[in-house]
Every structure is written in structure tokens, then in C-alpha cells.
Amino acid sequence: MKINDLNKLIYFKEAAQLLSYTKASKKLDTTPSSVQRAVKGLEENLEHKLFVRKSKGLALTSEGKLYLDRVLKALKELQIAEKELESKKQDPLNKLKILTTLGLAADWVYKVIPLIQNDYPSLKIEMCTSNLEVSLETEEFDIYLGPKIETALSYKNKFITNVDFKLYASKLYLERYGFPKDKKELKKHKLINFSGSSQTYFSNTNEIFSDLGDYENYDLTVDFYLVERNLVLSNLGIASIAKDIVEATYPDLVDIFPSEKPLSVPIYIYYLTKNLDESRIKEIYNNLIKVSPYQR
């Protein structure tokens, strides 16, 4: 590349956008002749005319239009790079407090901890888990990862993935009690309900039983996904379990209605903007995607 002076690009950009050396010089706090000399030097380096003179000012040549497009993109990239470097000057990230659900912590979030620590070796991480919805109004947590919730304006959120749920039973259970032909026949089976409270994360997974109407005769109700999963593995009933987890870890469990679409629960990452800037959250977000057990 023959260009060795960034000022020439800046002078050209202003002259090209304003189509006037005089107007460009005022914006750049210099003289029209300085802008003109910079453009002429640029044209000599490129061996192409960038402007032609008109009665009312300047006009870009076809080469000038093409070059302006590239210059604008290049300058924008430089601005982005400057912002990224500026963010590196911020106070180091010393502590990170994460809130998530018990299930997501055990199946997913723990996997991202070493990746975060690799980016921030001195970082102290506190991971808190809860089955019941926890308010973010107190701004106690830097990050919440889970189903969508109502939250304070001090948090931003980004969609990250879906967790798909389907009904599963063990092979031995089905040998004992038979295979339900449709959802209505589920009433004849031992059903495991996830939590009896609407304030529990993932309580909406019980909508998978919605075809049963106001059915309340569940054989078992639990509020911990590992217990729910183990009850199914112990041949004690049918329950909704995360599809990707079953396929990766429990291939012997049987999908009761394989032709039916799963019940999808969108998962979001919420972050406290005063503690985490966009560049840091992008790193954490990308690491979460990298180790996610759920197909997007």
C-alpha cells in the first residue's frame, strides 16, 4: 500500500462527503489548500483521479465513489478498534456474581467457568443457584442466565438458546405399564410434575401436560430437575426432560411422542450494565455458546 498518511484519508473523506474543499477545511480546522494538497497527494499515490471540478463544487469520479466506500469502512473499523483498546484500560474485572437455575448450572454453566477464568485469571466467581425466581431489583448479581423474567432497567438481556423439553420414560417403566397411544392416555400413567409453584424457573414446562386439562392427579411432584430425571431413570413415571440432555447422556430413555414438537423455553443472559460492558459480555456470551449442550 502506497498510502502512509492517515490524514490524507480523513481529508479525502470530508471533501468527498461535503463536495467542497472549503467546507471540508472548516470542519477540519485547516485551510482549503491543505485539503486540496492532501487529496492531490492521495490521487498521485493511487494513480487515479478521485474528483472532478464542477461549477458548484466537486464531484466524485467512479473511482472516487468506490474509494470513498472503502475508506468509510476502514475508518469505521479503526474506530471500533480504538473503542476495544479503550475498554482494555477499564478497571480489571475482579469479581463476578452469577445467578442461574439449578438445572442450567449443573448441565451447562459450570462448563464456562474455566473459560472465563482463562480470560480473567484473577477473577473471583460466585455462582448462585435457585429454583424459585429471584428478583434482580437489588442489582446483587452481575449476570442472570435463565428463562425470561421481569427485571430492572439497569440490566440488558440477550437471547442465547432454547431448551427443548419432551416427555420421557424408561424402557422398564413402559414394559410394566404400557405405551400411551396419545396424550389422553397419560391419565392412566404415573406422571411426574415439575414443581407446584408458578414462581419456579421452568414451571411452564408443565404445559406439556396441557392436553389433560385441569389434571392434578400427579403421582409425584418435585422441584429439582436432577431428582425428576432420576425418578424417570428409576422407572417411576413419565416426565418432561430436556431433549438435548437425554440424547447426549441418557440414550436408553424413550421419547413417548417422538413425532410431536418439543416444548421450547427460550434462555436469556441478563447483565448489569454498570459492571459489564459490551466487550466483556460478548466474551462471556461466546464462551457460553461454545460449551452449550443445547442445539440453537
C-alpha atoms as a PDB file:
ATOM      1  CA  MET A   1       0.000   0.000   0.000  1.00  0.00           C
ATOM      2  CA  LYS A   2       1.403   3.373  -1.042  1.00  0.00           C
ATOM      3  CA  ILE A   3      -0.556   5.434   1.475  1.00  0.00           C
ATOM      4  CA  ASN A   4       1.485   6.386   4.524  1.00  0.00           C
ATOM      5  CA  ASP A   5      -0.542   9.252   5.893  1.00  0.00           C
ATOM      6  CA  LEU A   6      -3.920   8.644   7.558  1.00  0.00           C
ATOM      7  CA  ASN A   7      -4.679  12.375   7.377  1.00  0.00           C
ATOM      8  CA  LYS A   8      -4.966  12.102   3.605  1.00  0.00           C
ATOM      9  CA  LEU A   9      -7.812   9.602   4.025  1.00  0.00           C
ATOM     10  CA  ILE A  10      -9.580  11.824   6.538  1.00  0.00           C
ATOM     11  CA  TYR A  11      -9.199  14.917   4.337  1.00  0.00           C
ATOM     12  CA  PHE A  12     -10.473  12.968   1.331  1.00  0.00           C
ATOM     13  CA  LYS A  13     -13.462  11.612   3.282  1.00  0.00           C
ATOM     14  CA  GLU A  14     -14.569  15.080   4.395  1.00  0.00           C
ATOM     15  CA  ALA A  15     -14.100  16.595   0.945  1.00  0.00           C
ATOM     16  CA  ALA A  16     -15.984  13.698  -0.641  1.00  0.00           C
ATOM     17  CA  GLN A  17     -18.908  13.932   1.778  1.00  0.00           C
ATOM     18  CA  LEU A  18     -19.165  17.733   1.580  1.00  0.00           C
ATOM     19  CA  LEU A  19     -18.091  18.010  -2.082  1.00  0.00           C
ATOM     20  CA  SER A  20     -16.138  21.135  -1.203  1.00  0.00           C
ATOM     21  CA  TYR A  21     -12.530  21.787  -0.162  1.00  0.00           C
ATOM     22  CA  THR A  22     -13.656  24.941   1.641  1.00  0.00           C
ATOM     23  CA  LYS A  23     -16.372  23.262   3.703  1.00  0.00           C
ATOM     24  CA  ALA A  24     -14.057  20.333   4.481  1.00  0.00           C
ATOM     25  CA  SER A  25     -11.298  22.717   5.653  1.00  0.00           C
ATOM     26  CA  LYS A  26     -13.707  24.454   8.047  1.00  0.00           C
ATOM     27  CA  LYS A  27     -14.776  21.136   9.558  1.00  0.00           C
ATOM     28  CA  LEU A  28     -11.154  20.010   9.869  1.00  0.00           C
ATOM     29  CA  ASP A  29      -9.950  23.394  11.151  1.00  0.00           C
ATOM     30  CA  THR A  30      -7.384  23.804   8.379  1.00  0.00           C
ATOM     31  CA  THR A  31      -7.075  25.622   5.042  1.00  0.00           C
ATOM     32  CA  PRO A  32      -8.691  24.684   1.708  1.00  0.00           C
ATOM     33  CA  SER A  33      -5.266  24.435   0.116  1.00  0.00           C
ATOM     34  CA  SER A  34      -4.177  21.872   2.752  1.00  0.00           C
ATOM     35  CA  VAL A  35      -7.192  19.692   1.958  1.00  0.00           C
ATOM     36  CA  GLN A  36      -6.563  20.058  -1.773  1.00  0.00           C
ATOM     37  CA  ARG A  37      -2.871  19.124  -1.398  1.00  0.00           C
ATOM     38  CA  ALA A  38      -3.797  16.055   0.663  1.00  0.00           C
ATOM     39  CA  VAL A  39      -6.292  14.891  -1.961  1.00  0.00           C
ATOM     40  CA  LYS A  40      -3.801  15.536  -4.770  1.00  0.00           C
ATOM     41  CA  GLY A  41      -1.161  13.501  -2.923  1.00  0.00           C
ATOM     42  CA  LEU A  42      -3.670  10.701  -2.471  1.00  0.00           C
ATOM     43  CA  GLU A  43      -4.529  10.750  -6.174  1.00  0.00           C
ATOM     44  CA  GLU A  44      -0.824  10.557  -7.052  1.00  0.00           C
ATOM     45  CA  ASN A  45      -0.345   7.595  -4.740  1.00  0.00           C
ATOM     46  CA  LEU A  46      -3.372   5.803  -6.177  1.00  0.00           C
ATOM     47  CA  GLU A  47      -2.700   6.907  -9.754  1.00  0.00           C
ATOM     48  CA  HIS A  48      -6.426   7.680 -10.165  1.00  0.00           C
ATOM     49  CA  LYS A  49      -8.474  10.881 -10.245  1.00  0.00           C
ATOM     50  CA  LEU A  50     -10.909  10.970  -7.312  1.00  0.00           C
ATOM     51  CA  PHE A  51     -12.635  14.287  -8.035  1.00  0.00           C
ATOM     52  CA  VAL A  52     -13.632  16.427 -10.956  1.00  0.00           C
ATOM     53  CA  ARG A  53     -14.425  20.106 -10.611  1.00  0.00           C
ATOM     54  CA  LYS A  54     -17.980  21.310 -11.295  1.00  0.00           C
ATOM     55  CA  SER A  55     -19.371  24.836 -11.442  1.00  0.00           C
ATOM     56  CA  LYS A  56     -20.910  24.401  -7.985  1.00  0.00           C
ATOM     57  CA  GLY A  57     -18.101  22.444  -6.352  1.00  0.00           C
ATOM     58  CA  LEU A  58     -16.666  18.957  -6.584  1.00  0.00           C
ATOM     59  CA  ALA A  59     -17.987  15.668  -7.914  1.00  0.00           C
ATOM     60  CA  LEU A  60     -16.638  12.193  -7.270  1.00  0.00           C
ATOM     61  CA  THR A  61     -15.374  10.143 -10.170  1.00  0.00           C
ATOM     62  CA  SER A  62     -16.433   6.482 -10.362  1.00  0.00           C
ATOM     63  CA  GLU A  63     -13.060   5.604  -8.824  1.00  0.00           C
ATOM     64  CA  GLY A  64     -13.653   8.220  -6.143  1.00  0.00           C
ATOM     65  CA  LYS A  65     -17.028   6.724  -5.240  1.00  0.00           C
ATOM     66  CA  LEU A  66     -15.534   3.258  -4.967  1.00  0.00           C
ATOM     67  CA  TYR A  67     -12.643   4.508  -2.873  1.00  0.00           C
ATOM     68  CA  LEU A  68     -14.903   6.518  -0.546  1.00  0.00           C
ATOM     69  CA  ASP A  69     -16.927   3.406   0.207  1.00  0.00           C
ATOM     70  CA  ARG A  70     -13.761   1.511   1.197  1.00  0.00           C
ATOM     71  CA  VAL A  71     -12.369   4.432   3.204  1.00  0.00           C
ATOM     72  CA  LEU A  72     -15.573   4.791   5.243  1.00  0.00           C
ATOM     73  CA  LYS A  73     -15.482   1.086   6.100  1.00  0.00           C
ATOM     74  CA  ALA A  74     -11.794   1.230   7.010  1.00  0.00           C
ATOM     75  CA  LEU A  75     -12.225   4.267   9.260  1.00  0.00           C
ATOM     76  CA  LYS A  76     -15.186   2.636  10.973  1.00  0.00           C
ATOM     77  CA  GLU A  77     -13.063  -0.439  11.709  1.00  0.00           C
ATOM     78  CA  LEU A  78     -10.377   1.810  13.177  1.00  0.00           C
ATOM     79  CA  GLN A  79     -12.967   3.460  15.450  1.00  0.00           C
ATOM     80  CA  ILE A  80     -14.139   0.048  16.642  1.00  0.00           C
ATOM     81  CA  ALA A  81     -10.546  -0.989  17.330  1.00  0.00           C
ATOM     82  CA  GLU A  82      -9.952   2.193  19.338  1.00  0.00           C
ATOM     83  CA  LYS A  83     -13.040   1.519  21.465  1.00  0.00           C
ATOM     84  CA  GLU A  84     -11.945  -2.061  22.085  1.00  0.00           C
ATOM     85  CA  LEU A  85      -8.489  -0.913  23.149  1.00  0.00           C
ATOM     86  CA  GLU A  86     -10.028   1.762  25.346  1.00  0.00           C
ATOM     87  CA  SER A  87     -12.148  -0.874  27.086  1.00  0.00           C
ATOM     88  CA  LYS A  88      -8.942  -2.719  27.983  1.00  0.00           C
ATOM     89  CA  LYS A  89      -7.955   0.297  30.099  1.00  0.00           C
ATOM     90  CA  GLN A  90     -11.007  -0.162  32.317  1.00  0.00           C
ATOM     91  CA  ASP A  91     -10.673  -1.386  35.849  1.00  0.00           C
ATOM     92  CA  PRO A  92      -9.866  -5.097  35.792  1.00  0.00           C
ATOM     93  CA  LEU A  93     -12.771  -7.465  36.356  1.00  0.00           C
ATOM     94  CA  ASN A  94     -12.086  -8.776  39.865  1.00  0.00           C
ATOM     95  CA  LYS A  95     -15.412 -10.333  40.868  1.00  0.00           C
ATOM     96  CA  LEU A  96     -18.336 -11.844  39.006  1.00  0.00           C
ATOM     97  CA  LYS A  97     -21.584 -12.946  40.641  1.00  0.00           C
ATOM     98  CA  ILE A  98     -23.754 -15.224  38.509  1.00  0.00           C
ATOM     99  CA  LEU A  99     -27.342 -16.302  39.178  1.00  0.00           C
ATOM    100  CA  THR A 100     -28.797 -19.246  37.314  1.00  0.00           C
ATOM    101  CA  THR A 101     -31.115 -22.199  37.800  1.00  0.00           C
ATOM    102  CA  LEU A 102     -30.041 -25.468  39.367  1.00  0.00           C
ATOM    103  CA  GLY A 103     -30.518 -27.347  36.120  1.00  0.00           C
ATOM    104  CA  LEU A 104     -28.609 -24.907  33.910  1.00  0.00           C
ATOM    105  CA  ALA A 105     -25.809 -24.700  36.469  1.00  0.00           C
ATOM    106  CA  ALA A 106     -25.348 -28.479  36.533  1.00  0.00           C
ATOM    107  CA  ASP A 107     -25.732 -29.138  32.803  1.00  0.00           C
ATOM    108  CA  TRP A 108     -24.136 -26.035  31.323  1.00  0.00           C
ATOM    109  CA  VAL A 109     -22.924 -23.024  33.289  1.00  0.00           C
ATOM    110  CA  TYR A 110     -20.225 -24.861  35.253  1.00  0.00           C
ATOM    111  CA  LYS A 111     -18.508 -25.638  31.932  1.00  0.00           C
ATOM    112  CA  VAL A 112     -17.967 -21.965  31.159  1.00  0.00           C
ATOM    113  CA  ILE A 113     -16.169 -21.154  34.439  1.00  0.00           C
ATOM    114  CA  PRO A 114     -12.678 -22.280  33.310  1.00  0.00           C
ATOM    115  CA  LEU A 115     -13.072 -20.356  30.049  1.00  0.00           C
ATOM    116  CA  ILE A 116     -13.934 -17.161  31.917  1.00  0.00           C
ATOM    117  CA  GLN A 117     -11.047 -17.682  34.323  1.00  0.00           C
ATOM    118  CA  ASN A 118      -8.716 -18.200  31.392  1.00  0.00           C
ATOM    119  CA  ASP A 119      -9.686 -14.716  30.122  1.00  0.00           C
ATOM    120  CA  TYR A 120      -9.544 -13.210  33.624  1.00  0.00           C
ATOM    121  CA  PRO A 121      -7.048 -15.229  35.744  1.00  0.00           C
ATOM    122  CA  SER A 122      -7.503 -13.169  38.923  1.00  0.00           C
ATOM    123  CA  LEU A 123     -11.304 -13.135  38.725  1.00  0.00           C
ATOM    124  CA  LYS A 124     -13.298 -14.389  41.721  1.00  0.00           C
ATOM    125  CA  ILE A 125     -16.544 -16.035  40.628  1.00  0.00           C
ATOM    126  CA  GLU A 126     -19.579 -16.660  42.794  1.00  0.00           C
ATOM    127  CA  MET A 127     -22.252 -18.842  41.193  1.00  0.00           C
ATOM    128  CA  CYS A 128     -25.624 -18.787  42.932  1.00  0.00           C
ATOM    129  CA  THR A 129     -28.461 -21.148  42.048  1.00  0.00           C
ATOM    130  CA  SER A 130     -32.153 -21.095  42.826  1.00  0.00           C
ATOM    131  CA  ASN A 131     -35.291 -22.974  41.852  1.00  0.00           C
ATOM    132  CA  LEU A 132     -37.526 -20.030  42.733  1.00  0.00           C
ATOM    133  CA  GLU A 133     -37.411 -16.800  40.759  1.00  0.00           C
ATOM    134  CA  VAL A 134     -35.081 -14.243  42.347  1.00  0.00           C
ATOM    135  CA  SER A 135     -35.606 -10.523  41.831  1.00  0.00           C
ATOM    136  CA  LEU A 136     -32.790  -8.583  40.167  1.00  0.00           C
ATOM    137  CA  GLU A 137     -34.058  -5.247  41.517  1.00  0.00           C
ATOM    138  CA  THR A 138     -31.329  -5.150  44.196  1.00  0.00           C
ATOM    139  CA  GLU A 139     -28.627  -5.403  41.498  1.00  0.00           C
ATOM    140  CA  GLU A 140     -26.920  -8.094  43.570  1.00  0.00           C
ATOM    141  CA  PHE A 141     -25.965 -10.173  40.534  1.00  0.00           C
ATOM    142  CA  ASP A 142     -23.768  -9.245  37.597  1.00  0.00           C
ATOM    143  CA  ILE A 143     -25.296 -11.937  35.386  1.00  0.00           C
ATOM    144  CA  TYR A 144     -28.504 -13.948  35.390  1.00  0.00           C
ATOM    145  CA  LEU A 145     -28.820 -16.865  32.987  1.00  0.00           C
ATOM    146  CA  GLY A 146     -32.202 -18.496  32.590  1.00  0.00           C
ATOM    147  CA  PRO A 147     -35.774 -18.143  31.298  1.00  0.00           C
ATOM    148  CA  LYS A 148     -37.072 -14.626  30.638  1.00  0.00           C
ATOM    149  CA  ILE A 149     -38.049 -12.638  33.730  1.00  0.00           C
ATOM    150  CA  GLU A 150     -39.188  -9.154  34.670  1.00  0.00           C
ATOM    151  CA  THR A 151     -36.172  -7.107  35.667  1.00  0.00           C
ATOM    152  CA  ALA A 152     -34.763  -3.671  36.400  1.00  0.00           C
ATOM    153  CA  LEU A 153     -33.789  -1.219  33.657  1.00  0.00           C
ATOM    154  CA  SER A 154     -30.190  -1.492  34.850  1.00  0.00           C
ATOM    155  CA  TYR A 155     -29.980  -4.908  33.166  1.00  0.00           C
ATOM    156  CA  LYS A 156     -29.829  -5.666  29.471  1.00  0.00           C
ATOM    157  CA  ASN A 157     -30.628  -9.082  28.055  1.00  0.00           C
ATOM    158  CA  LYS A 158     -29.740 -11.177  25.005  1.00  0.00           C
ATOM    159  CA  PHE A 159     -31.323 -14.372  23.758  1.00  0.00           C
ATOM    160  CA  ILE A 160     -28.834 -17.215  23.853  1.00  0.00           C
ATOM    161  CA  THR A 161     -30.586 -20.538  23.133  1.00  0.00           C
ATOM    162  CA  ASN A 162     -33.707 -22.656  23.548  1.00  0.00           C
ATOM    163  CA  VAL A 163     -34.069 -25.603  25.895  1.00  0.00           C
ATOM    164  CA  ASP A 164     -36.441 -28.131  24.309  1.00  0.00           C
ATOM    165  CA  PHE A 165     -38.475 -30.447  26.532  1.00  0.00           C
ATOM    166  CA  LYS A 166     -40.166 -33.718  25.650  1.00  0.00           C
ATOM    167  CA  LEU A 167     -41.883 -36.477  27.620  1.00  0.00           C
ATOM    168  CA  TYR A 168     -39.675 -39.425  28.536  1.00  0.00           C
ATOM    169  CA  ALA A 169     -39.976 -42.741  30.348  1.00  0.00           C
ATOM    170  CA  SER A 170     -37.637 -45.672  30.923  1.00  0.00           C
ATOM    171  CA  LYS A 171     -37.904 -48.869  28.902  1.00  0.00           C
ATOM    172  CA  LEU A 172     -38.665 -50.873  32.040  1.00  0.00           C
ATOM    173  CA  TYR A 173     -41.483 -48.496  33.007  1.00  0.00           C
ATOM    174  CA  LEU A 174     -43.062 -48.928  29.572  1.00  0.00           C
ATOM    175  CA  GLU A 175     -42.729 -52.702  29.808  1.00  0.00           C
ATOM    176  CA  ARG A 176     -44.634 -52.588  33.109  1.00  0.00           C
ATOM    177  CA  TYR A 177     -47.336 -50.040  32.307  1.00  0.00           C
ATOM    178  CA  GLY A 178     -47.548 -49.991  28.522  1.00  0.00           C
ATOM    179  CA  PHE A 179     -47.016 -47.293  25.927  1.00  0.00           C
ATOM    180  CA  PRO A 180     -49.551 -44.410  25.916  1.00  0.00           C
ATOM    181  CA  LYS A 181     -51.146 -44.101  22.478  1.00  0.00           C
ATOM    182  CA  ASP A 182     -51.920 -40.387  22.891  1.00  0.00           C
ATOM    183  CA  LYS A 183     -51.870 -37.555  25.440  1.00  0.00           C
ATOM    184  CA  LYS A 184     -55.273 -38.518  26.874  1.00  0.00           C
ATOM    185  CA  GLU A 185     -53.943 -41.934  27.829  1.00  0.00           C
ATOM    186  CA  LEU A 186     -51.357 -40.248  30.033  1.00  0.00           C
ATOM    187  CA  LYS A 187     -54.050 -40.078  32.729  1.00  0.00           C
ATOM    188  CA  LYS A 188     -53.652 -43.847  33.093  1.00  0.00           C
ATOM    189  CA  HIS A 189     -49.919 -43.459  33.784  1.00  0.00           C
ATOM    190  CA  LYS A 190     -47.696 -42.321  36.618  1.00  0.00           C
ATOM    191  CA  LEU A 191     -46.879 -38.708  35.859  1.00  0.00           C
ATOM    192  CA  ILE A 192     -44.139 -36.621  37.415  1.00  0.00           C
ATOM    193  CA  ASN A 193     -44.872 -32.905  37.727  1.00  0.00           C
ATOM    194  CA  PHE A 194     -42.113 -30.298  37.923  1.00  0.00           C
ATOM    195  CA  SER A 195     -42.838 -28.060  40.914  1.00  0.00           C
ATOM    196  CA  GLY A 196     -46.217 -26.991  42.149  1.00  0.00           C
ATOM    197  CA  SER A 197     -45.337 -23.273  42.113  1.00  0.00           C
ATOM    198  CA  SER A 198     -45.635 -20.846  39.202  1.00  0.00           C
ATOM    199  CA  GLN A 199     -42.721 -18.912  40.748  1.00  0.00           C
ATOM    200  CA  THR A 200     -40.319 -21.742  39.931  1.00  0.00           C
ATOM    201  CA  TYR A 201     -37.974 -21.368  36.977  1.00  0.00           C
ATOM    202  CA  PHE A 202     -39.091 -23.674  34.147  1.00  0.00           C
ATOM    203  CA  SER A 203     -42.514 -24.229  35.756  1.00  0.00           C
ATOM    204  CA  ASN A 204     -44.010 -23.622  32.306  1.00  0.00           C
ATOM    205  CA  THR A 205     -42.599 -26.971  31.187  1.00  0.00           C
ATOM    206  CA  ASN A 206     -45.713 -28.455  32.804  1.00  0.00           C
ATOM    207  CA  GLU A 207     -47.629 -27.045  29.844  1.00  0.00           C
ATOM    208  CA  ILE A 208     -46.533 -30.216  28.104  1.00  0.00           C
ATOM    209  CA  PHE A 209     -49.405 -31.847  30.007  1.00  0.00           C
ATOM    210  CA  SER A 210     -51.902 -29.156  28.894  1.00  0.00           C
ATOM    211  CA  ASP A 211     -53.945 -31.657  26.828  1.00  0.00           C
ATOM    212  CA  LEU A 212     -55.007 -33.232  30.122  1.00  0.00           C
ATOM    213  CA  GLY A 213     -56.964 -30.112  31.092  1.00  0.00           C
ATOM    214  CA  ASP A 214     -57.053 -29.257  34.805  1.00  0.00           C
ATOM    215  CA  TYR A 215     -55.406 -32.556  35.691  1.00  0.00           C
ATOM    216  CA  GLU A 216     -53.950 -32.545  39.189  1.00  0.00           C
ATOM    217  CA  ASN A 217     -53.586 -36.242  39.963  1.00  0.00           C
ATOM    218  CA  TYR A 218     -49.813 -36.362  39.557  1.00  0.00           C
ATOM    219  CA  ASP A 219     -48.113 -39.280  41.253  1.00  0.00           C
ATOM    220  CA  LEU A 220     -45.025 -37.232  42.080  1.00  0.00           C
ATOM    221  CA  THR A 221     -44.177 -33.523  42.226  1.00  0.00           C
ATOM    222  CA  VAL A 222     -40.566 -32.381  42.581  1.00  0.00           C
ATOM    223  CA  ASP A 223     -38.828 -29.019  42.279  1.00  0.00           C
ATOM    224  CA  PHE A 224     -35.331 -30.255  41.436  1.00  0.00           C
ATOM    225  CA  TYR A 225     -34.613 -31.361  37.892  1.00  0.00           C
ATOM    226  CA  LEU A 226     -31.977 -33.943  38.916  1.00  0.00           C
ATOM    227  CA  VAL A 227     -34.491 -35.671  41.182  1.00  0.00           C
ATOM    228  CA  GLU A 228     -37.097 -35.564  38.418  1.00  0.00           C
ATOM    229  CA  ARG A 229     -34.630 -37.111  35.987  1.00  0.00           C
ATOM    230  CA  ASN A 230     -33.561 -39.771  38.482  1.00  0.00           C
ATOM    231  CA  LEU A 231     -37.182 -40.694  39.177  1.00  0.00           C
ATOM    232  CA  VAL A 232     -37.652 -41.379  35.475  1.00  0.00           C
ATOM    233  CA  LEU A 233     -34.398 -43.354  35.355  1.00  0.00           C
ATOM    234  CA  SER A 234     -35.674 -45.344  38.351  1.00  0.00           C
ATOM    235  CA  ASN A 235     -38.747 -46.446  36.346  1.00  0.00           C
ATOM    236  CA  LEU A 236     -41.178 -44.435  38.480  1.00  0.00           C
ATOM    237  CA  GLY A 237     -43.013 -42.428  35.855  1.00  0.00           C
ATOM    238  CA  ILE A 238     -43.152 -40.090  32.860  1.00  0.00           C
ATOM    239  CA  ALA A 239     -41.754 -36.554  32.983  1.00  0.00           C
ATOM    240  CA  SER A 240     -40.668 -33.678  30.750  1.00  0.00           C
ATOM    241  CA  ILE A 241     -36.876 -33.592  30.409  1.00  0.00           C
ATOM    242  CA  ALA A 242     -34.514 -31.509  28.269  1.00  0.00           C
ATOM    243  CA  LYS A 243     -34.258 -33.279  24.912  1.00  0.00           C
ATOM    244  CA  ASP A 244     -30.592 -32.494  24.192  1.00  0.00           C
ATOM    245  CA  ILE A 245     -29.500 -33.712  27.632  1.00  0.00           C
ATOM    246  CA  VAL A 246     -31.358 -37.004  27.201  1.00  0.00           C
ATOM    247  CA  GLU A 247     -29.945 -37.612  23.731  1.00  0.00           C
ATOM    248  CA  ALA A 248     -26.387 -36.890  24.870  1.00  0.00           C
ATOM    249  CA  THR A 249     -26.417 -38.652  28.248  1.00  0.00           C
ATOM    250  CA  TYR A 250     -29.423 -40.953  28.655  1.00  0.00           C
ATOM    251  CA  PRO A 251     -29.997 -42.683  25.304  1.00  0.00           C
ATOM    252  CA  ASP A 252     -31.951 -45.509  26.956  1.00  0.00           C
ATOM    253  CA  LEU A 253     -34.814 -43.192  27.899  1.00  0.00           C
ATOM    254  CA  VAL A 254     -37.735 -43.347  25.487  1.00  0.00           C
ATOM    255  CA  ASP A 255     -39.364 -40.349  23.812  1.00  0.00           C
ATOM    256  CA  ILE A 256     -43.070 -41.034  24.437  1.00  0.00           C
ATOM    257  CA  PHE A 257     -44.343 -38.978  21.490  1.00  0.00           C
ATOM    258  CA  PRO A 258     -41.424 -38.750  19.012  1.00  0.00           C
ATOM    259  CA  SER A 259     -43.469 -37.110  16.248  1.00  0.00           C
ATOM    260  CA  GLU A 260     -44.586 -34.205  18.450  1.00  0.00           C
ATOM    261  CA  LYS A 261     -42.689 -30.933  18.531  1.00  0.00           C
ATOM    262  CA  PRO A 262     -40.862 -30.210  21.792  1.00  0.00           C
ATOM    263  CA  LEU A 263     -41.910 -27.527  24.232  1.00  0.00           C
ATOM    264  CA  SER A 264     -39.251 -24.821  23.871  1.00  0.00           C
ATOM    265  CA  VAL A 265     -38.164 -22.493  26.681  1.00  0.00           C
ATOM    266  CA  PRO A 266     -36.036 -19.510  25.494  1.00  0.00           C
ATOM    267  CA  ILE A 267     -32.958 -18.821  27.606  1.00  0.00           C
ATOM    268  CA  TYR A 268     -31.518 -15.324  28.044  1.00  0.00           C
ATOM    269  CA  ILE A 269     -28.418 -13.820  29.553  1.00  0.00           C
ATOM    270  CA  TYR A 270     -29.095 -10.693  31.635  1.00  0.00           C
ATOM    271  CA  TYR A 271     -26.171  -8.484  32.598  1.00  0.00           C
ATOM    272  CA  LEU A 272     -25.759  -5.486  34.860  1.00  0.00           C
ATOM    273  CA  THR A 273     -24.585  -2.749  32.511  1.00  0.00           C
ATOM    274  CA  LYS A 274     -22.727  -0.704  35.122  1.00  0.00           C
ATOM    275  CA  ASN A 275     -20.445  -3.657  35.889  1.00  0.00           C
ATOM    276  CA  LEU A 276     -20.119  -5.329  32.480  1.00  0.00           C
ATOM    277  CA  ASP A 277     -19.514  -3.546  29.193  1.00  0.00           C
ATOM    278  CA  GLU A 278     -20.426  -4.941  25.772  1.00  0.00           C
ATOM    279  CA  SER A 279     -16.957  -6.323  25.031  1.00  0.00           C
ATOM    280  CA  ARG A 280     -16.821  -8.311  28.268  1.00  0.00           C
ATOM    281  CA  ILE A 281     -20.333  -9.674  27.935  1.00  0.00           C
ATOM    282  CA  LYS A 282     -19.564 -10.650  24.344  1.00  0.00           C
ATOM    283  CA  GLU A 283     -16.644 -12.780  25.567  1.00  0.00           C
ATOM    284  CA  ILE A 284     -18.808 -14.495  28.183  1.00  0.00           C
ATOM    285  CA  TYR A 285     -21.692 -14.926  25.735  1.00  0.00           C
ATOM    286  CA  ASN A 286     -19.439 -16.550  23.128  1.00  0.00           C
ATOM    287  CA  ASN A 287     -17.964 -18.884  25.730  1.00  0.00           C
ATOM    288  CA  LEU A 288     -21.463 -19.932  26.817  1.00  0.00           C
ATOM    289  CA  ILE A 289     -22.352 -20.724  23.220  1.00  0.00           C
ATOM    290  CA  LYS A 290     -19.117 -22.702  22.859  1.00  0.00           C
ATOM    291  CA  VAL A 291     -19.940 -25.099  25.726  1.00  0.00           C
ATOM    292  CA  SER A 292     -23.744 -25.139  25.415  1.00  0.00           C
ATOM    293  CA  PRO A 293     -25.267 -28.656  25.458  1.00  0.00           C
ATOM    294  CA  TYR A 294     -28.386 -27.281  23.747  1.00  0.00           C
ATOM    295  CA  GLN A 295     -28.791 -27.029  19.993  1.00  0.00           C
ATOM    296  CA  ARG A 296     -29.620 -23.463  18.896  1.00  0.00           C
END
